[in-house]
C-alpha atoms as a PDB file:
ATOM      1  CA  MET A   1     -12.300  54.411  12.465  1.00  0.00           C
ATOM      2  CA  ALA A   2     -11.089  52.008  15.137  1.00  0.00           C
ATOM      3  CA  THR A   3     -13.448  50.670  17.750  1.00  0.00           C
ATOM      4  CA  ALA A   4     -12.616  49.540  21.226  1.00  0.00           C
ATOM      5  CA  ALA A   5     -13.000  45.856  21.983  1.00  0.00           C
ATOM      6  CA  SER A   6     -15.607  44.985  24.568  1.00  0.00           C
ATOM      7  CA  PRO A   7     -14.427  43.447  27.825  1.00  0.00           C
ATOM      8  CA  LYS A   8     -14.986  39.722  28.157  1.00  0.00           C
ATOM      9  CA  GLY A   9     -18.611  38.994  28.900  1.00  0.00           C
ATOM     10  CA  ALA A  10     -19.781  42.518  28.065  1.00  0.00           C
ATOM     11  CA  GLU A  11     -22.459  43.112  25.457  1.00  0.00           C
ATOM     12  CA  PRO A  12     -21.226  45.212  22.544  1.00  0.00           C
ATOM     13  CA  THR A  13     -22.564  48.734  22.341  1.00  0.00           C
ATOM     14  CA  GLN A  14     -23.890  50.232  19.139  1.00  0.00           C
ATOM     15  CA  HIS A  15     -20.410  51.532  18.270  1.00  0.00           C
ATOM     16  CA  GLN A  16     -18.513  48.309  18.903  1.00  0.00           C
ATOM     17  CA  LYS A  17     -18.170  45.502  16.444  1.00  0.00           C
ATOM     18  CA  ALA A  18     -19.756  42.220  17.444  1.00  0.00           C
ATOM     19  CA  LYS A  19     -17.675  39.094  16.939  1.00  0.00           C
ATOM     20  CA  ILE A  20     -19.272  36.413  14.801  1.00  0.00           C
ATOM     21  CA  LEU A  21     -17.675  32.961  14.674  1.00  0.00           C
ATOM     22  CA  LEU A  22     -17.945  31.183  11.310  1.00  0.00           C
ATOM     23  CA  VAL A  23     -17.243  27.438  11.545  1.00  0.00           C
ATOM     24  CA  ASP A  24     -16.975  25.308   8.418  1.00  0.00           C
ATOM     25  CA  ASP A  25     -14.429  22.775   7.157  1.00  0.00           C
ATOM     26  CA  SER A  26     -14.753  24.066   3.589  1.00  0.00           C
ATOM     27  CA  PRO A  27     -12.521  27.074   2.821  1.00  0.00           C
ATOM     28  CA  ASP A  28     -14.882  27.994  -0.035  1.00  0.00           C
ATOM     29  CA  SER A  29     -17.876  28.016   2.323  1.00  0.00           C
ATOM     30  CA  LEU A  30     -16.010  30.178   4.845  1.00  0.00           C
ATOM     31  CA  LEU A  31     -15.085  32.592   2.093  1.00  0.00           C
ATOM     32  CA  ALA A  32     -18.691  32.723   0.866  1.00  0.00           C
ATOM     33  CA  LEU A  33     -20.011  33.369   4.391  1.00  0.00           C
ATOM     34  CA  GLU A  34     -17.454  36.107   4.875  1.00  0.00           C
ATOM     35  CA  ALA A  35     -18.377  37.725   1.541  1.00  0.00           C
ATOM     36  CA  VAL A  36     -22.078  37.786   2.436  1.00  0.00           C
ATOM     37  CA  LEU A  37     -21.608  39.026   6.007  1.00  0.00           C
ATOM     38  CA  GLU A  38     -18.805  41.573   5.558  1.00  0.00           C
ATOM     39  CA  ASP A  39     -21.349  44.319   4.764  1.00  0.00           C
ATOM     40  CA  LEU A  40     -22.694  44.023   8.323  1.00  0.00           C
ATOM     41  CA  GLY A  41     -19.502  45.685   9.551  1.00  0.00           C
ATOM     42  CA  GLN A  42     -18.918  43.144  12.327  1.00  0.00           C
ATOM     43  CA  GLU A  43     -15.755  41.218  13.188  1.00  0.00           C
ATOM     44  CA  LEU A  44     -15.828  37.849  11.432  1.00  0.00           C
ATOM     45  CA  VAL A  45     -13.654  35.055  12.828  1.00  0.00           C
ATOM     46  CA  LYS A  46     -13.209  31.935  10.690  1.00  0.00           C
ATOM     47  CA  ALA A  47     -12.628  28.480  12.161  1.00  0.00           C
ATOM     48  CA  PRO A  48     -12.007  25.491   9.850  1.00  0.00           C
ATOM     49  CA  SER A  49     -13.110  22.886  12.419  1.00  0.00           C
ATOM     50  CA  GLY A  50     -15.080  22.359  15.594  1.00  0.00           C
ATOM     51  CA  VAL A  51     -11.851  22.019  17.570  1.00  0.00           C
ATOM     52  CA  ASP A  52     -10.591  25.349  16.231  1.00  0.00           C
ATOM     53  CA  ALA A  53     -13.926  26.949  17.124  1.00  0.00           C
ATOM     54  CA  LEU A  54     -13.602  25.734  20.710  1.00  0.00           C
ATOM     55  CA  TRP A  55     -10.111  27.250  20.918  1.00  0.00           C
ATOM     56  CA  TYR A  56     -11.481  30.609  19.768  1.00  0.00           C
ATOM     57  CA  LEU A  57     -14.244  30.347  22.375  1.00  0.00           C
ATOM     58  CA  LEU A  58     -11.650  29.893  25.116  1.00  0.00           C
ATOM     59  CA  GLU A  59     -10.200  33.300  24.231  1.00  0.00           C
ATOM     60  CA  ASP A  60     -13.229  35.390  23.201  1.00  0.00           C
ATOM     61  CA  ASP A  61     -16.955  35.822  23.527  1.00  0.00           C
ATOM     62  CA  PHE A  62     -19.046  35.885  20.371  1.00  0.00           C
ATOM     63  CA  ALA A  63     -22.380  37.493  19.553  1.00  0.00           C
ATOM     64  CA  ALA A  64     -23.270  34.563  17.284  1.00  0.00           C
ATOM     65  CA  ILE A  65     -21.874  31.316  15.917  1.00  0.00           C
ATOM     66  CA  LEU A  66     -22.603  30.030  12.409  1.00  0.00           C
ATOM     67  CA  LEU A  67     -21.859  26.323  12.586  1.00  0.00           C
ATOM     68  CA  ASP A  68     -21.711  23.764   9.787  1.00  0.00           C
ATOM     69  CA  VAL A  69     -23.348  20.477  10.776  1.00  0.00           C
ATOM     70  CA  LYS A  70     -21.293  18.092   8.619  1.00  0.00           C
ATOM     71  CA  MET A  71     -17.591  18.335   9.412  1.00  0.00           C
ATOM     72  CA  PRO A  72     -14.951  15.609   9.707  1.00  0.00           C
ATOM     73  CA  GLY A  73     -13.752  14.756  13.177  1.00  0.00           C
ATOM     74  CA  MET A  74     -15.979  16.756  15.481  1.00  0.00           C
ATOM     75  CA  ASP A  75     -19.260  17.556  13.736  1.00  0.00           C
ATOM     76  CA  GLY A  76     -21.384  20.626  14.363  1.00  0.00           C
ATOM     77  CA  PHE A  77     -23.636  18.893  16.874  1.00  0.00           C
ATOM     78  CA  GLU A  78     -20.685  17.689  18.969  1.00  0.00           C
ATOM     79  CA  THR A  79     -19.187  21.164  18.783  1.00  0.00           C
ATOM     80  CA  ALA A  80     -22.490  22.744  19.861  1.00  0.00           C
ATOM     81  CA  ALA A  81     -22.774  20.341  22.800  1.00  0.00           C
ATOM     82  CA  MET A  82     -19.319  21.393  24.003  1.00  0.00           C
ATOM     83  CA  ILE A  83     -20.156  25.070  23.487  1.00  0.00           C
ATOM     84  CA  ARG A  84     -23.321  24.652  25.577  1.00  0.00           C
ATOM     85  CA  ALA A  85     -21.409  22.755  28.292  1.00  0.00           C
ATOM     86  CA  ARG A  86     -19.357  25.844  29.091  1.00  0.00           C
ATOM     87  CA  ARG A  87     -21.143  28.357  31.280  1.00  0.00           C
ATOM     88  CA  ARG A  88     -19.587  31.305  29.460  1.00  0.00           C
ATOM     89  CA  SER A  89     -20.935  30.254  26.051  1.00  0.00           C
ATOM     90  CA  GLN A  90     -24.077  28.357  26.990  1.00  0.00           C
ATOM     91  CA  HIS A  91     -26.359  31.143  25.726  1.00  0.00           C
ATOM     92  CA  THR A  92     -24.389  32.208  22.646  1.00  0.00           C
ATOM     93  CA  PRO A  93     -26.786  32.012  19.671  1.00  0.00           C
ATOM     94  CA  ILE A  94     -25.952  29.197  17.253  1.00  0.00           C
ATOM     95  CA  LEU A  95     -27.195  29.181  13.677  1.00  0.00           C
ATOM     96  CA  PHE A  96     -26.631  25.772  12.080  1.00  0.00           C
ATOM     97  CA  LEU A  97     -25.731  25.515   8.403  1.00  0.00           C
ATOM     98  CA  THR A  98     -26.533  22.284   6.576  1.00  0.00           C
ATOM     99  CA  GLY A  99     -27.109  20.775   3.184  1.00  0.00           C
ATOM    100  CA  LEU A 100     -29.569  18.277   4.633  1.00  0.00           C
ATOM    101  CA  LYS A 101     -33.264  18.892   5.134  1.00  0.00           C
ATOM    102  CA  ASP A 102     -33.678  16.151   7.703  1.00  0.00           C
ATOM    103  CA  GLU A 103     -36.200  16.597  10.498  1.00  0.00           C
ATOM    104  CA  ASP A 104     -34.025  14.553  12.869  1.00  0.00           C
ATOM    105  CA  TYR A 105     -31.173  17.016  12.289  1.00  0.00           C
ATOM    106  CA  PHE A 106     -33.435  19.933  13.080  1.00  0.00           C
ATOM    107  CA  VAL A 107     -34.757  18.333  16.275  1.00  0.00           C
ATOM    108  CA  ARG A 108     -31.240  17.457  17.425  1.00  0.00           C
ATOM    109  CA  GLY A 109     -29.990  20.954  16.648  1.00  0.00           C
ATOM    110  CA  TYR A 110     -32.828  22.681  18.472  1.00  0.00           C
ATOM    111  CA  ASP A 111     -32.274  20.360  21.453  1.00  0.00           C
ATOM    112  CA  LEU A 112     -28.695  21.682  21.497  1.00  0.00           C
ATOM    113  CA  GLY A 113     -29.935  25.263  21.602  1.00  0.00           C
ATOM    114  CA  ALA A 114     -29.894  26.268  17.942  1.00  0.00           C
ATOM    115  CA  VAL A 115     -31.709  29.528  17.239  1.00  0.00           C
ATOM    116  CA  ASP A 116     -32.226  28.500  13.623  1.00  0.00           C
ATOM    117  CA  PHE A 117     -31.085  26.409  10.661  1.00  0.00           C
ATOM    118  CA  LEU A 118     -30.145  27.534   7.180  1.00  0.00           C
ATOM    119  CA  THR A 119     -30.114  24.885   4.472  1.00  0.00           C
ATOM    120  CA  ASN A 120     -28.094  24.940   1.272  1.00  0.00           C
ATOM    121  CA  PRO A 121     -28.271  26.662  -1.032  1.00  0.00           C
ATOM    122  CA  ILE A 122     -28.160  29.528   1.441  1.00  0.00           C
ATOM    123  CA  VAL A 123     -29.889  32.690   0.274  1.00  0.00           C
ATOM    124  CA  PRO A 124     -27.445  35.544   1.010  1.00  0.00           C
ATOM    125  CA  ALA A 125     -30.145  38.085   1.943  1.00  0.00           C
ATOM    126  CA  VAL A 126     -31.743  35.635   4.395  1.00  0.00           C
ATOM    127  CA  LEU A 127     -28.374  34.826   5.982  1.00  0.00           C
ATOM    128  CA  LYS A 128     -27.514  38.502   6.336  1.00  0.00           C
ATOM    129  CA  ASP A 129     -30.930  39.353   7.830  1.00  0.00           C
ATOM    130  CA  LYS A 130     -30.872  36.502  10.359  1.00  0.00           C
ATOM    131  CA  VAL A 131     -27.348  37.263  11.540  1.00  0.00           C
ATOM    132  CA  SER A 132     -28.135  40.967  11.738  1.00  0.00           C
ATOM    133  CA  VAL A 133     -31.152  40.311  13.973  1.00  0.00           C
ATOM    134  CA  ILE A 134     -29.180  37.933  16.221  1.00  0.00           C
ATOM    135  CA  VAL A 135     -26.394  40.490  16.643  1.00  0.00           C
ATOM    136  CA  GLU A 136     -28.670  43.496  17.175  1.00  0.00           C
ATOM    137  CA  LEU A 137     -31.140  41.991  19.680  1.00  0.00           C
ATOM    138  CA  PRO A 138     -28.853  42.244  22.748  1.00  0.00           C
ATOM    139  CA  ARG A 139     -28.047  45.851  21.843  1.00  0.00           C
ATOM    140  CA  LYS A 140     -31.666  46.969  22.034  1.00  0.00           C
END
């Protein structure tokens, strides 16, 4: 059953798929995220870099962004800062993904507007639950 896309800036209704942006430089990590989240029935968009993520954000609005912290070139924090600098995406929920359990990372991420952090190894049920809540909150 096809669903209509929401107009730019509009919140998805219960029958529309929310767009979730997955940003990670590792193809294996993107594939793993997609495998865990596909059961949510939302539209998953994969970006292999922070620059690619910013290009996607120029074209579409997203219900949530899952953003790897450690990426070559533009890291997750730099990407988040640019996302927050744009009025249209300044309130888009960002969930940082990291292999590091460093308090300085957490503080920096929360200062950039992160709603949460998930550290590796990521527990699939926890990831699915957190993303589901982030996506469903605006609909209620």
